[in-house]
Amino acid sequence: MRENCFIDTSVILKIIIENKVELLEGLSKYTLHTSTNVLEETSFKIIITSVLEEMNVERANFFKVKEKFEEGVGGKVIIGRLHILNFLKSRFIVLPVGDAIFDISKEIMKKYRLLSNDALIAATCKHYGIRKIATFDEDFKRVDFLEVVKI
């Protein structure tokens, strides 16, 4: 039986935005899990990145990016990237996140000084007994019950 590994937003974005498909090969020995909040965060970052790329800027005020998105800027790229996300999602076990996990996340946030979404990811791993995480986010190295896998 293959080991379980949680796949974080940072890895999914590298695969989609930077076309680093080889990252999946490095994770092929694992049963990959993610959560609905990771998929939401990934979708949000796909929108922001795609709009900024089409605006040909590295940064912009969030409300300006939102306005441009609503005008259709980056639309085709966003749709293409979201299709890739849906394809990837079909290869993952998507874990539900409920009240119990949210409650655990508050303790993890305090103990490890993680931002709320990262704490929710760590709490999801803890709740489901997942000990490995594929991520480029250095903050997860502070979490003693998670092992960041090298990919």
Protein backbone atom coordinates (compact mmCIF):
# COMPACT_ATOMS: atom_id res chain seq x y z
CA MET A 1 0.00 0.00 0.00
CA ARG A 2 1.28 3.46 -0.92
CA GLU A 3 1.94 6.13 1.67
CA ASN A 4 -0.41 9.08 1.90
CA CYS A 5 0.85 12.56 1.06
CA PHE A 6 -1.00 15.87 1.18
CA ILE A 7 -0.39 18.14 -1.81
CA ASP A 8 -0.33 21.85 -1.02
CA THR A 9 -1.31 24.86 -3.12
CA SER A 10 2.32 25.77 -3.83
CA VAL A 11 2.98 22.47 -5.63
CA ILE A 12 -0.27 22.55 -7.60
CA LEU A 13 0.50 26.11 -8.73
CA LYS A 14 4.01 25.14 -9.88
CA ILE A 15 2.50 22.34 -11.97
CA ILE A 16 -0.15 24.60 -13.51
CA ILE A 17 1.49 28.04 -13.76
CA GLU A 18 5.08 26.97 -14.42
CA ASN A 19 4.22 23.74 -16.26
CA LYS A 20 6.33 21.67 -13.84
CA VAL A 21 4.56 18.39 -14.65
CA GLU A 22 7.64 16.45 -13.54
CA LEU A 23 6.66 17.25 -9.95
CA LEU A 24 3.85 14.72 -10.31
CA GLU A 25 6.40 12.07 -11.27
CA GLY A 26 8.26 12.78 -8.04
CA LEU A 27 5.04 12.17 -6.12
CA SER A 28 3.94 9.06 -8.01
CA LYS A 29 4.83 6.74 -5.13
CA TYR A 30 2.22 8.40 -2.91
CA THR A 31 -1.54 8.40 -2.71
CA LEU A 32 -2.16 12.13 -3.06
CA HIS A 33 -4.67 14.00 -0.92
CA THR A 34 -5.72 17.62 -0.87
CA SER A 35 -8.64 19.58 0.53
CA THR A 36 -11.35 21.91 -0.66
CA ASN A 37 -9.62 24.94 0.85
CA VAL A 38 -6.44 24.12 -1.12
CA LEU A 39 -8.48 23.92 -4.33
CA GLU A 40 -10.12 27.26 -3.51
CA GLU A 41 -6.78 28.91 -2.75
CA THR A 42 -5.32 27.50 -5.95
CA SER A 43 -8.26 28.81 -8.00
CA PHE A 44 -7.91 32.25 -6.43
CA LYS A 45 -4.17 32.38 -7.15
CA ILE A 46 -4.75 31.20 -10.73
CA ILE A 47 -7.11 34.14 -11.24
CA ILE A 48 -4.74 36.69 -9.69
CA THR A 49 -1.67 35.38 -11.54
CA SER A 50 -3.45 35.18 -14.89
CA VAL A 51 -4.87 38.70 -14.66
CA LEU A 52 -1.49 40.14 -13.61
CA GLU A 53 0.21 38.35 -16.51
CA GLU A 54 -2.25 39.77 -19.02
CA MET A 55 -1.89 43.23 -17.46
CA ASN A 56 1.87 42.71 -17.88
CA VAL A 57 2.63 43.74 -14.30
CA GLU A 58 4.03 41.88 -11.31
CA ARG A 59 1.82 43.59 -8.73
CA ALA A 60 -1.37 45.56 -8.56
CA ASN A 61 -3.92 46.62 -6.01
CA PHE A 62 -6.28 43.72 -5.30
CA PHE A 63 -9.35 45.77 -6.24
CA LYS A 64 -7.76 46.70 -9.57
CA VAL A 65 -7.08 43.01 -10.28
CA LYS A 66 -10.67 42.15 -9.30
CA GLU A 67 -11.99 44.89 -11.59
CA LYS A 68 -9.88 43.63 -14.51
CA PHE A 69 -10.98 40.04 -13.85
CA GLU A 70 -14.63 41.15 -13.93
CA GLU A 71 -13.91 42.85 -17.28
CA GLY A 72 -12.67 39.53 -18.65
CA VAL A 73 -8.93 40.17 -18.50
CA GLY A 74 -7.06 36.86 -18.43
CA GLY A 75 -10.25 34.93 -19.12
CA LYS A 76 -8.96 32.37 -21.63
CA VAL A 77 -5.84 31.65 -19.60
CA ILE A 78 -7.87 31.31 -16.41
CA ILE A 79 -10.28 28.85 -18.04
CA GLY A 80 -7.39 26.77 -19.38
CA ARG A 81 -5.65 26.69 -16.02
CA LEU A 82 -8.85 25.82 -14.19
CA HIS A 83 -9.34 22.89 -16.59
CA ILE A 84 -5.87 21.67 -15.65
CA LEU A 85 -6.78 22.07 -11.98
CA ASN A 86 -9.91 19.97 -12.52
CA PHE A 87 -7.82 17.29 -14.24
CA LEU A 88 -5.34 17.26 -11.36
CA LYS A 89 -8.17 17.21 -8.83
CA SER A 90 -9.45 14.00 -10.39
CA ARG A 91 -6.13 12.37 -9.46
CA PHE A 92 -6.31 13.43 -5.81
CA ILE A 93 -8.46 12.33 -2.91
CA VAL A 94 -10.20 15.56 -1.90
CA LEU A 95 -10.73 15.61 1.85
CA PRO A 96 -13.66 17.45 3.39
CA VAL A 97 -12.88 20.04 6.04
CA GLY A 98 -15.44 20.38 8.82
CA ASP A 99 -15.88 21.98 12.22
CA ALA A 100 -13.62 19.53 14.06
CA ILE A 101 -10.73 20.29 11.71
CA PHE A 102 -11.36 24.02 12.00
CA ASP A 103 -11.19 23.72 15.79
CA ILE A 104 -7.87 21.83 15.57
CA SER A 105 -6.54 24.50 13.20
CA LYS A 106 -6.93 27.24 15.82
CA GLU A 107 -4.63 25.35 18.20
CA ILE A 108 -2.14 24.66 15.40
CA MET A 109 -2.21 28.35 14.43
CA LYS A 110 -1.22 29.34 17.96
CA LYS A 111 1.35 26.59 18.54
CA TYR A 112 3.21 26.79 15.21
CA ARG A 113 2.47 30.42 14.25
CA LEU A 114 0.91 29.44 10.95
CA LEU A 115 -1.44 31.62 8.94
CA SER A 116 -5.03 30.43 9.02
CA ASN A 117 -5.09 28.52 5.73
CA ASP A 118 -1.78 26.76 6.46
CA ALA A 119 -3.07 25.85 9.92
CA LEU A 120 -6.21 24.44 8.32
CA ILE A 121 -4.05 22.32 5.99
CA ALA A 122 -1.95 21.04 8.91
CA ALA A 123 -5.11 20.31 10.91
CA THR A 124 -6.55 18.40 7.95
CA CYS A 125 -3.39 16.28 7.79
CA LYS A 126 -3.52 15.66 11.53
CA HIS A 127 -7.21 14.76 11.49
CA TYR A 128 -6.79 12.24 8.65
CA GLY A 129 -3.47 10.84 9.91
CA ILE A 130 -1.43 12.13 6.96
CA ARG A 131 2.20 12.64 7.98
CA LYS A 132 3.76 13.79 4.71
CA ILE A 133 3.14 17.01 2.82
CA ALA A 134 4.33 18.10 -0.62
CA THR A 135 4.88 21.84 -0.41
CA PHE A 136 7.31 24.63 -1.20
CA ASP A 137 6.07 26.58 1.83
CA GLU A 138 8.86 26.61 4.42
CA ASP A 139 6.39 27.28 7.25
CA PHE A 140 5.30 23.63 7.30
CA LYS A 141 8.80 22.62 8.43
CA ARG A 142 7.88 24.03 11.87
CA VAL A 143 5.06 21.50 12.26
CA ASP A 144 6.52 18.55 14.15
CA PHE A 145 3.91 16.01 13.06
CA LEU A 146 4.46 16.70 9.32
CA GLU A 147 7.36 15.71 7.10
CA VAL A 148 7.90 17.91 4.05
CA VAL A 149 8.71 15.56 1.17
CA LYS A 150 11.44 16.40 -1.32
CA ILE A 151 10.21 16.55 -4.89
